[in-house]
């Protein structure tokens, strides 16, 4: 029997097809990351670049004693968990509703994407006007319903500013979950629901024992992506409060941005950014490990 050996280099052919994408990724992602890592080891001030000096882990030691960093870190956890969690719950509810049959379902599916399609700057300005102390619609509605006795400066009070911005981002981002989960719902076989009904399962039981397990991978991926995006988001905060009042709406990416742009401390800002990157890489690692275990089982 004539066994012909494959041409030399056939096994490396996929690598050559991927090489352009690898080079572009390295240039766009890896090179800036390496530059940031190098900056984090220096005392680099943008207005005095000639006197930049290598300080090793000095910036990280300084961060450990930085009170604003710990405030920003704690508020980042509140920001991520609150925003992503409520976006997911609202998106899941919207997806379940949009998966039902009603005569204007096509229009509803089109309208739900509007908040997601609007630029973040527009979202920030729109919600800032809605929160306005004198003319804001939120104060007006709350007073008409008897929820408050007098207008509240939502964005000027340390106890309400962060949660007010979170509400704006929740409204902007829940369509992502709605559309993603709706796409997953379309893949669930109808036979599973028919079998559950025969077994006497109620609607809540079908949701928790049929629907959610069937789209668990879709939900996990959506949660990972949205966590990364929300953790890195700072534009809405910057537009609505700029991080104030005081440090009430400071998150870690915003603090890194302000130290680099306002204080011109590029080395310190780079160190803050690397800490955020390490945290997000930890989340990605846990997701990938769990996904690998799911594939093996």
Protein backbone atom coordinates (compact mmCIF):
# COMPACT_ATOMS: atom_id res chain seq x y z
CA UNK A 1 0.00 0.00 0.00
CA UNK A 2 1.39 3.36 -1.03
CA UNK A 3 1.41 5.73 1.89
CA UNK A 4 2.26 9.21 0.87
CA UNK A 5 3.79 11.45 3.48
CA UNK A 6 2.18 14.89 3.85
CA UNK A 7 4.12 17.75 2.34
CA UNK A 8 6.72 19.28 4.61
CA UNK A 9 5.29 22.16 6.61
CA UNK A 10 1.66 21.09 6.26
CA UNK A 11 1.30 20.93 10.05
CA UNK A 12 2.46 24.52 10.45
CA UNK A 13 0.03 25.89 7.86
CA UNK A 14 -2.59 27.05 10.45
CA UNK A 15 0.14 29.03 12.22
CA UNK A 16 0.99 30.95 9.05
CA UNK A 17 -2.67 31.83 8.55
CA UNK A 18 -2.88 33.08 12.13
CA UNK A 19 0.44 34.93 12.04
CA UNK A 20 -0.96 38.29 10.74
CA UNK A 21 -3.61 38.34 13.47
CA UNK A 22 -1.00 37.43 16.08
CA UNK A 23 1.30 40.24 14.95
CA UNK A 24 -1.51 42.79 14.97
CA UNK A 25 -2.60 41.66 18.45
CA UNK A 26 0.96 41.89 19.70
CA UNK A 27 1.34 45.38 18.29
CA UNK A 28 -2.00 46.71 19.50
CA UNK A 29 -2.24 44.93 22.87
CA UNK A 30 1.01 43.43 24.09
CA UNK A 31 3.30 46.36 23.28
CA UNK A 32 1.17 48.94 25.18
CA UNK A 33 0.87 46.49 28.11
CA UNK A 34 4.65 46.11 28.20
CA UNK A 35 5.08 49.89 28.08
CA UNK A 36 2.60 50.29 30.92
CA UNK A 37 4.42 47.67 32.99
CA UNK A 38 7.71 49.50 32.40
CA UNK A 39 6.17 52.86 33.31
CA UNK A 40 4.79 51.40 36.54
CA UNK A 41 8.37 50.78 37.70
CA UNK A 42 9.37 54.41 37.22
CA UNK A 43 8.76 57.74 38.85
CA UNK A 44 7.61 59.27 35.58
CA UNK A 45 6.03 62.72 35.51
CA UNK A 46 4.79 63.87 32.12
CA UNK A 47 5.82 67.49 32.74
CA UNK A 48 9.34 66.39 33.72
CA UNK A 49 10.20 63.36 31.56
CA UNK A 50 13.96 64.00 31.58
CA UNK A 51 14.15 63.32 35.32
CA UNK A 52 12.27 60.02 35.20
CA UNK A 53 13.98 57.41 37.38
CA UNK A 54 13.61 53.71 37.97
CA UNK A 55 12.09 52.97 41.41
CA UNK A 56 11.17 49.31 41.05
CA UNK A 57 8.09 48.48 43.10
CA UNK A 58 8.04 51.91 44.71
CA UNK A 59 4.76 52.92 43.10
CA UNK A 60 3.08 49.74 44.35
CA UNK A 61 4.39 50.33 47.86
CA UNK A 62 3.01 53.86 47.68
CA UNK A 63 -0.37 52.52 46.50
CA UNK A 64 -0.57 50.22 49.53
CA UNK A 65 -0.63 53.29 51.77
CA UNK A 66 -2.86 55.38 49.51
CA UNK A 67 -6.24 55.92 51.20
CA UNK A 68 -7.90 57.04 47.97
CA UNK A 69 -6.84 53.78 46.32
CA UNK A 70 -8.61 51.71 48.96
CA UNK A 71 -11.70 53.91 48.73
CA UNK A 72 -11.69 53.52 44.95
CA UNK A 73 -11.13 49.76 45.19
CA UNK A 74 -14.05 49.28 47.59
CA UNK A 75 -16.34 51.40 45.45
CA UNK A 76 -15.21 49.47 42.36
CA UNK A 77 -16.51 46.25 43.92
CA UNK A 78 -19.84 47.93 44.73
CA UNK A 79 -19.93 49.36 41.21
CA UNK A 80 -19.19 46.07 39.43
CA UNK A 81 -21.39 43.79 41.55
CA UNK A 82 -24.32 46.21 41.66
CA UNK A 83 -24.29 47.24 38.01
CA UNK A 84 -23.59 43.82 36.48
CA UNK A 85 -25.97 42.03 38.85
CA UNK A 86 -28.93 44.32 38.20
CA UNK A 87 -28.19 44.51 34.47
CA UNK A 88 -28.32 40.72 34.36
CA UNK A 89 -31.59 40.47 36.28
CA UNK A 90 -33.27 43.15 34.15
CA UNK A 91 -31.85 41.65 30.96
CA UNK A 92 -33.05 38.17 31.93
CA UNK A 93 -36.55 39.46 32.66
CA UNK A 94 -36.62 41.40 29.38
CA UNK A 95 -35.39 38.37 27.42
CA UNK A 96 -38.04 36.11 28.93
CA UNK A 97 -40.74 38.64 28.03
CA UNK A 98 -39.42 39.17 24.50
CA UNK A 99 -39.32 35.41 24.00
CA UNK A 100 -43.12 35.27 24.38
CA UNK A 101 -45.53 35.64 21.46
CA UNK A 102 -47.37 38.97 21.17
CA UNK A 103 -48.32 41.06 18.17
CA UNK A 104 -45.74 43.85 18.61
CA UNK A 105 -42.84 41.61 19.65
CA UNK A 106 -40.71 42.67 16.66
CA UNK A 107 -41.06 46.34 17.58
CA UNK A 108 -40.29 45.62 21.24
CA UNK A 109 -37.12 43.74 20.30
CA UNK A 110 -36.01 46.75 18.27
CA UNK A 111 -36.80 49.31 20.97
CA UNK A 112 -35.02 47.45 23.76
CA UNK A 113 -31.66 47.98 22.07
CA UNK A 114 -31.91 51.81 22.13
CA UNK A 115 -30.16 52.39 25.51
CA UNK A 116 -27.29 50.15 24.42
CA UNK A 117 -26.94 52.00 21.12
CA UNK A 118 -26.63 55.48 22.68
CA UNK A 119 -23.10 56.86 23.30
CA UNK A 120 -22.01 56.93 26.92
CA UNK A 121 -21.55 60.71 26.84
CA UNK A 122 -25.20 61.13 25.78
CA UNK A 123 -26.26 58.74 28.54
CA UNK A 124 -24.31 60.74 31.10
CA UNK A 125 -25.69 64.11 30.00
CA UNK A 126 -29.27 62.81 29.77
CA UNK A 127 -29.23 61.32 33.27
CA UNK A 128 -27.50 64.40 34.68
CA UNK A 129 -30.43 66.50 33.44
CA UNK A 130 -32.89 63.96 34.83
CA UNK A 131 -31.20 64.26 38.24
CA UNK A 132 -31.13 68.08 38.14
CA UNK A 133 -32.06 69.62 41.49
CA UNK A 134 -34.43 72.24 40.08
CA UNK A 135 -35.77 70.85 36.80
CA UNK A 136 -34.98 67.13 36.95
CA UNK A 137 -37.81 64.73 36.11
CA UNK A 138 -36.71 62.25 38.79
CA UNK A 139 -37.24 64.75 41.60
CA UNK A 140 -40.54 65.82 40.05
CA UNK A 141 -41.90 62.27 39.81
CA UNK A 142 -40.67 61.32 43.29
CA UNK A 143 -42.34 64.39 44.82
CA UNK A 144 -45.61 63.75 42.98
CA UNK A 145 -45.64 60.18 44.27
CA UNK A 146 -44.88 61.37 47.80
CA UNK A 147 -41.57 59.52 47.97
CA UNK A 148 -39.64 62.67 48.90
CA UNK A 149 -40.78 65.95 50.46
CA UNK A 150 -38.21 68.21 48.76
CA UNK A 151 -35.85 67.98 45.78
CA UNK A 152 -32.63 66.04 46.33
CA UNK A 153 -29.25 66.86 44.81
CA UNK A 154 -28.65 63.25 43.81
CA UNK A 155 -25.24 63.82 42.23
CA UNK A 156 -23.98 66.26 44.86
CA UNK A 157 -24.50 64.07 47.91
CA UNK A 158 -21.81 61.52 48.85
CA UNK A 159 -24.44 59.01 49.99
CA UNK A 160 -26.43 59.01 46.73
CA UNK A 161 -24.03 60.02 43.92
CA UNK A 162 -22.51 56.59 43.22
CA UNK A 163 -25.86 54.81 43.24
CA UNK A 164 -27.39 57.46 40.98
CA UNK A 165 -24.66 56.85 38.38
CA UNK A 166 -25.07 53.09 38.78
CA UNK A 167 -28.74 53.43 37.89
CA UNK A 168 -27.80 55.23 34.67
CA UNK A 169 -25.33 52.51 33.68
CA UNK A 170 -27.80 49.75 34.57
CA UNK A 171 -30.32 51.32 32.20
CA UNK A 172 -27.70 51.61 29.48
CA UNK A 173 -26.33 48.08 29.75
CA UNK A 174 -29.28 45.76 30.43
CA UNK A 175 -30.12 45.46 26.67
CA UNK A 176 -26.83 43.62 26.18
CA UNK A 177 -28.01 40.88 28.50
CA UNK A 178 -31.51 40.99 27.04
CA UNK A 179 -30.33 40.42 23.48
CA UNK A 180 -27.66 37.87 24.40
CA UNK A 181 -29.95 35.80 26.62
CA UNK A 182 -32.78 36.06 24.07
CA UNK A 183 -30.46 34.54 21.47
CA UNK A 184 -29.70 31.72 23.89
CA UNK A 185 -33.38 31.12 24.57
CA UNK A 186 -33.95 30.53 20.87
CA UNK A 187 -31.67 27.48 21.05
CA UNK A 188 -33.53 25.70 23.88
CA UNK A 189 -35.46 22.75 22.38
CA UNK A 190 -39.24 22.93 22.84
CA UNK A 191 -39.21 19.22 23.74
CA UNK A 192 -37.58 20.05 27.07
CA UNK A 193 -40.52 22.26 28.07
CA UNK A 194 -43.02 19.68 26.87
CA UNK A 195 -41.36 17.01 28.99
CA UNK A 196 -41.29 19.37 31.99
CA UNK A 197 -45.02 20.10 31.60
CA UNK A 198 -45.79 16.38 31.44
CA UNK A 199 -43.87 15.94 34.70
CA UNK A 200 -45.99 18.70 36.22
CA UNK A 201 -43.30 21.38 36.48
CA UNK A 202 -44.53 24.90 37.13
CA UNK A 203 -43.25 27.98 35.26
CA UNK A 204 -40.71 28.87 37.99
CA UNK A 205 -39.51 25.27 38.08
CA UNK A 206 -39.11 25.25 34.29
CA UNK A 207 -37.10 28.46 34.55
CA UNK A 208 -34.66 27.16 37.16
CA UNK A 209 -34.42 23.53 36.04
CA UNK A 210 -34.76 23.81 32.25
CA UNK A 211 -34.18 27.31 30.91
CA UNK A 212 -31.25 28.53 33.02
CA UNK A 213 -29.23 25.27 32.85
CA UNK A 214 -29.76 25.15 29.07
CA UNK A 215 -28.31 28.65 28.57
CA UNK A 216 -25.76 28.54 31.41
CA UNK A 217 -22.80 28.90 29.03
CA UNK A 218 -24.39 31.92 27.33
CA UNK A 219 -25.05 33.57 30.70
CA UNK A 220 -21.51 32.88 31.95
CA UNK A 221 -19.94 34.40 28.83
CA UNK A 222 -22.21 37.45 28.96
CA UNK A 223 -21.42 37.98 32.66
CA UNK A 224 -17.69 37.75 31.99
CA UNK A 225 -17.77 40.23 29.12
CA UNK A 226 -19.98 42.69 30.95
CA UNK A 227 -17.88 42.46 34.12
CA UNK A 228 -14.78 43.41 32.14
CA UNK A 229 -16.56 46.29 30.41
CA UNK A 230 -18.14 47.68 33.58
CA UNK A 231 -14.90 47.33 35.54
CA UNK A 232 -13.11 49.43 32.92
CA UNK A 233 -15.89 51.99 32.39
CA UNK A 234 -15.29 55.52 33.55
CA UNK A 235 -16.87 57.73 30.86
CA UNK A 236 -20.33 57.95 32.45
CA UNK A 237 -18.82 58.79 35.85
CA UNK A 238 -16.54 61.36 34.27
CA UNK A 239 -19.45 63.08 32.53
CA UNK A 240 -21.86 63.02 35.47
CA UNK A 241 -19.66 63.84 38.47
CA UNK A 242 -15.99 63.75 37.47
CA UNK A 243 -15.39 61.48 40.47
CA UNK A 244 -16.95 63.78 43.05
CA UNK A 245 -18.27 64.93 45.41
CA UNK A 246 -14.94 64.34 47.08
CA UNK A 247 -14.05 60.73 46.34
CA UNK A 248 -17.64 59.48 46.52
CA UNK A 249 -17.74 58.24 42.91
CA UNK A 250 -14.10 57.27 42.49
CA UNK A 251 -13.52 53.83 41.00
CA UNK A 252 -10.15 52.26 40.28
CA UNK A 253 -10.01 53.01 36.52
CA UNK A 254 -11.19 56.57 37.11
CA UNK A 255 -8.58 57.10 39.81
CA UNK A 256 -5.83 55.75 37.52
CA UNK A 257 -7.04 58.05 34.74
CA UNK A 258 -7.12 61.12 37.00
CA UNK A 259 -3.65 60.47 38.41
CA UNK A 260 -2.26 60.12 34.89
CA UNK A 261 -4.20 62.95 33.20
CA UNK A 262 -4.66 65.55 35.93
CA UNK A 263 -1.61 64.95 38.13
CA UNK A 264 0.55 63.86 35.16
CA UNK A 265 1.88 60.96 37.26
CA UNK A 266 2.15 58.41 34.48
CA UNK A 267 4.18 55.94 36.53
CA UNK A 268 1.69 55.93 39.40
CA UNK A 269 -1.28 55.78 37.03
CA UNK A 270 0.31 52.85 35.18
CA UNK A 271 0.74 50.97 38.47
CA UNK A 272 -2.93 51.52 39.31
CA UNK A 273 -3.93 50.30 35.85
CA UNK A 274 -1.81 47.15 36.24
CA UNK A 275 -3.53 46.31 39.52
CA UNK A 276 -6.91 46.55 37.78
CA UNK A 277 -5.59 44.42 34.91
CA UNK A 278 -4.35 41.75 37.32
CA UNK A 279 -7.75 41.63 39.01
CA UNK A 280 -9.56 41.20 35.69
CA UNK A 281 -7.09 38.55 34.55
CA UNK A 282 -7.92 36.66 37.73
CA UNK A 283 -11.60 36.74 36.83
CA UNK A 284 -10.83 35.56 33.29
CA UNK A 285 -8.62 32.76 34.62
CA UNK A 286 -11.40 31.48 36.90
CA UNK A 287 -13.84 31.56 33.99
CA UNK A 288 -11.51 29.70 31.63
CA UNK A 289 -10.72 27.07 34.26
CA UNK A 290 -14.40 26.51 34.98
CA UNK A 291 -15.18 26.32 31.26
CA UNK A 292 -12.42 23.73 30.79
CA UNK A 293 -13.84 21.64 33.61
CA UNK A 294 -17.30 21.81 32.05
CA UNK A 295 -15.94 20.59 28.70
CA UNK A 296 -14.11 17.69 30.37
CA UNK A 297 -17.24 16.53 32.19
